[in-house]
N, C-alpha and C. Protein backbone atom coordinates (compact mmCIF):
# COMPACT_ATOMS: atom_id res chain seq x y z
N MET A 1 -14.54 -5.34 -11.06
CA MET A 1 -14.43 -5.42 -10.25
C MET A 1 -13.25 -4.30 -9.67
N PRO A 2 -13.14 -4.07 -8.36
CA PRO A 2 -12.84 -3.05 -7.94
C PRO A 2 -11.21 -2.88 -7.73
N ALA A 3 -10.37 -2.47 -7.72
CA ALA A 3 -9.04 -2.24 -8.22
C ALA A 3 -8.74 -2.56 -7.01
N THR A 4 -7.02 -3.41 -7.11
CA THR A 4 -6.70 -4.30 -5.92
C THR A 4 -5.02 -3.63 -6.12
N LEU A 5 -4.43 -2.70 -5.09
CA LEU A 5 -3.30 -3.03 -5.29
C LEU A 5 -2.25 -3.87 -3.57
N GLU A 6 -1.05 -4.23 -4.48
CA GLU A 6 -0.80 -4.48 -3.73
C GLU A 6 1.19 -3.81 -3.41
N VAL A 7 1.09 -3.60 -2.09
CA VAL A 7 2.21 -2.75 -1.27
C VAL A 7 3.44 -3.96 -0.45
N LYS A 8 4.33 -3.18 -0.96
CA LYS A 8 5.42 -3.63 0.59
C LYS A 8 6.10 -2.74 0.84
N CYS A 9 6.88 -2.30 2.13
CA CYS A 9 7.44 -1.74 2.31
C CYS A 9 8.88 -2.53 2.69
N THR A 10 9.93 -1.22 2.42
CA THR A 10 11.41 -1.33 1.99
C THR A 10 12.04 -0.21 3.22
N ASP A 11 11.61 0.00 4.57
CA ASP A 11 11.55 0.36 5.99
C ASP A 11 12.85 -1.41 6.10
N GLY A 12 14.38 -1.25 5.89
CA GLY A 12 14.84 -2.30 6.90
C GLY A 12 14.38 -2.68 8.25
N SER A 13 13.88 -1.79 8.99
CA SER A 13 13.33 -2.67 10.45
C SER A 13 12.27 -2.53 11.09
N CYS A 14 10.97 -2.59 9.32
CA CYS A 14 9.94 -2.95 9.32
C CYS A 14 10.00 -4.84 8.88
N THR A 15 9.48 -5.43 9.72
CA THR A 15 9.19 -6.75 9.39
C THR A 15 8.16 -7.73 8.62
N LEU A 16 7.60 -6.01 8.21
CA LEU A 16 5.50 -6.55 6.98
C LEU A 16 6.82 -6.87 5.80
N ASP A 17 6.70 -7.90 5.50
CA ASP A 17 6.93 -7.80 3.56
C ASP A 17 5.90 -7.18 3.39
N MET A 18 5.09 -7.17 2.80
CA MET A 18 3.70 -7.13 2.08
C MET A 18 2.27 -6.75 2.31
N PHE A 19 0.90 -6.12 1.80
CA PHE A 19 -0.10 -6.19 2.00
C PHE A 19 -0.99 -6.08 0.73
N GLU A 20 -2.19 -6.09 1.03
CA GLU A 20 -2.90 -6.22 0.07
C GLU A 20 -3.97 -4.89 0.19
N LEU A 21 -4.30 -3.54 -0.44
CA LEU A 21 -5.68 -3.13 -0.22
C LEU A 21 -6.54 -2.97 -1.35
N HIS A 22 -7.85 -3.87 -1.40
CA HIS A 22 -8.77 -3.58 -1.76
C HIS A 22 -10.12 -2.98 -1.99
N TYR A 23 -10.04 -2.16 -2.56
CA TYR A 23 -10.41 -1.10 -2.48
C TYR A 23 -12.46 -1.40 -3.11
N THR A 24 -13.21 -0.29 -3.08
CA THR A 24 -14.21 -0.06 -3.04
C THR A 24 -14.30 -0.02 -4.37
N TYR A 25 -15.85 0.59 -5.02
CA TYR A 25 -16.04 1.23 -6.15
C TYR A 25 -15.95 2.61 -5.75
N ASP A 26 -16.22 3.02 -4.83
CA ASP A 26 -16.01 4.20 -4.68
C ASP A 26 -14.84 4.88 -4.18
N MET A 27 -13.79 4.29 -4.57
CA MET A 27 -12.93 5.15 -4.18
C MET A 27 -12.36 5.64 -5.83
N PRO A 28 -11.95 7.11 -4.66
CA PRO A 28 -11.28 7.77 -5.94
C PRO A 28 -10.04 6.84 -7.23
N ASP A 29 -10.36 7.24 -8.92
CA ASP A 29 -9.54 7.15 -8.96
C ASP A 29 -7.51 6.91 -8.94
N ASP A 30 -7.81 8.63 -8.84
CA ASP A 30 -6.35 9.09 -8.01
C ASP A 30 -5.81 8.36 -7.39
N VAL A 31 -6.52 7.83 -6.24
CA VAL A 31 -5.57 7.18 -5.03
C VAL A 31 -4.83 6.18 -5.28
N GLY A 32 -3.53 6.09 -4.33
CA GLY A 32 -2.10 5.44 -4.31
C GLY A 32 -1.52 5.12 -3.67
N VAL A 33 -0.15 4.28 -3.70
CA VAL A 33 0.51 4.27 -2.58
C VAL A 33 0.50 5.47 -1.51
N THR A 34 1.08 6.86 -1.96
CA THR A 34 1.37 7.62 -1.24
C THR A 34 0.42 7.86 -0.55
N ASP A 35 -1.16 7.56 -0.87
CA ASP A 35 -2.46 7.92 0.02
C ASP A 35 -2.08 6.93 1.32
N PHE A 36 -1.29 5.99 1.57
CA PHE A 36 -1.71 5.01 2.59
C PHE A 36 -0.30 5.06 3.39
N THR A 37 -0.51 4.48 4.68
CA THR A 37 1.01 3.99 5.43
C THR A 37 0.86 2.60 6.03
N CYS A 38 2.08 2.26 6.35
CA CYS A 38 2.43 0.85 6.51
C CYS A 38 1.70 1.08 7.57
N PRO A 39 0.76 -0.38 7.97
CA PRO A 39 -0.06 -0.53 9.04
C PRO A 39 0.58 -1.26 10.08
N TYR A 40 2.05 -1.57 9.73
CA TYR A 40 3.08 -2.49 10.73
C TYR A 40 4.10 -0.84 11.50
N CYS A 41 5.21 -0.58 10.75
CA CYS A 41 5.51 0.66 11.59
C CYS A 41 5.21 2.29 11.13
N GLY A 42 4.14 2.58 10.72
CA GLY A 42 3.39 3.90 10.34
C GLY A 42 4.36 4.28 8.85
N GLU A 43 5.44 4.25 8.78
CA GLU A 43 5.67 5.08 7.73
C GLU A 43 5.41 5.04 6.26
N THR A 44 4.88 6.36 5.95
CA THR A 44 4.59 6.77 4.32
C THR A 44 5.85 6.21 3.41
N GLU A 45 6.88 6.74 3.88
CA GLU A 45 7.63 7.51 2.65
C GLU A 45 8.36 5.89 1.96
N THR A 46 8.14 4.63 2.90
CA THR A 46 9.17 3.61 2.67
C THR A 46 8.02 2.95 1.95
N LEU A 47 7.09 3.18 1.63
CA LEU A 47 5.45 2.19 0.73
C LEU A 47 6.09 2.03 -0.45
N GLU A 48 6.42 1.05 -1.14
CA GLU A 48 6.36 1.07 -3.16
C GLU A 48 5.00 0.11 -3.74
N ALA A 49 4.25 0.50 -4.79
CA ALA A 49 3.79 -0.44 -4.80
C ALA A 49 4.00 -1.57 -5.85
N ILE A 50 3.80 -2.93 -5.44
CA ILE A 50 4.60 -4.05 -5.68
C ILE A 50 3.61 -4.24 -7.63
N GLU A 51 4.05 -4.31 -8.38
CA GLU A 51 3.94 -4.22 -10.10
C GLU A 51 4.14 -5.57 -10.83
N LEU A 52 2.84 -6.54 -10.85
CA LEU A 52 3.25 -7.86 -11.04
C LEU A 52 3.13 -7.83 -12.88
């Protein structure tokens, strides 16, 4: 099964609480939360991976 990454935006003015990224098998192993931006506010620095 390809990797799944759950991410939250910690920007106080952003109303998006979390989103989930579903990778394909072609996604490089070193891809992480720092490679993405919030789909709502567009910030990168405020994203954090949700650890279950």
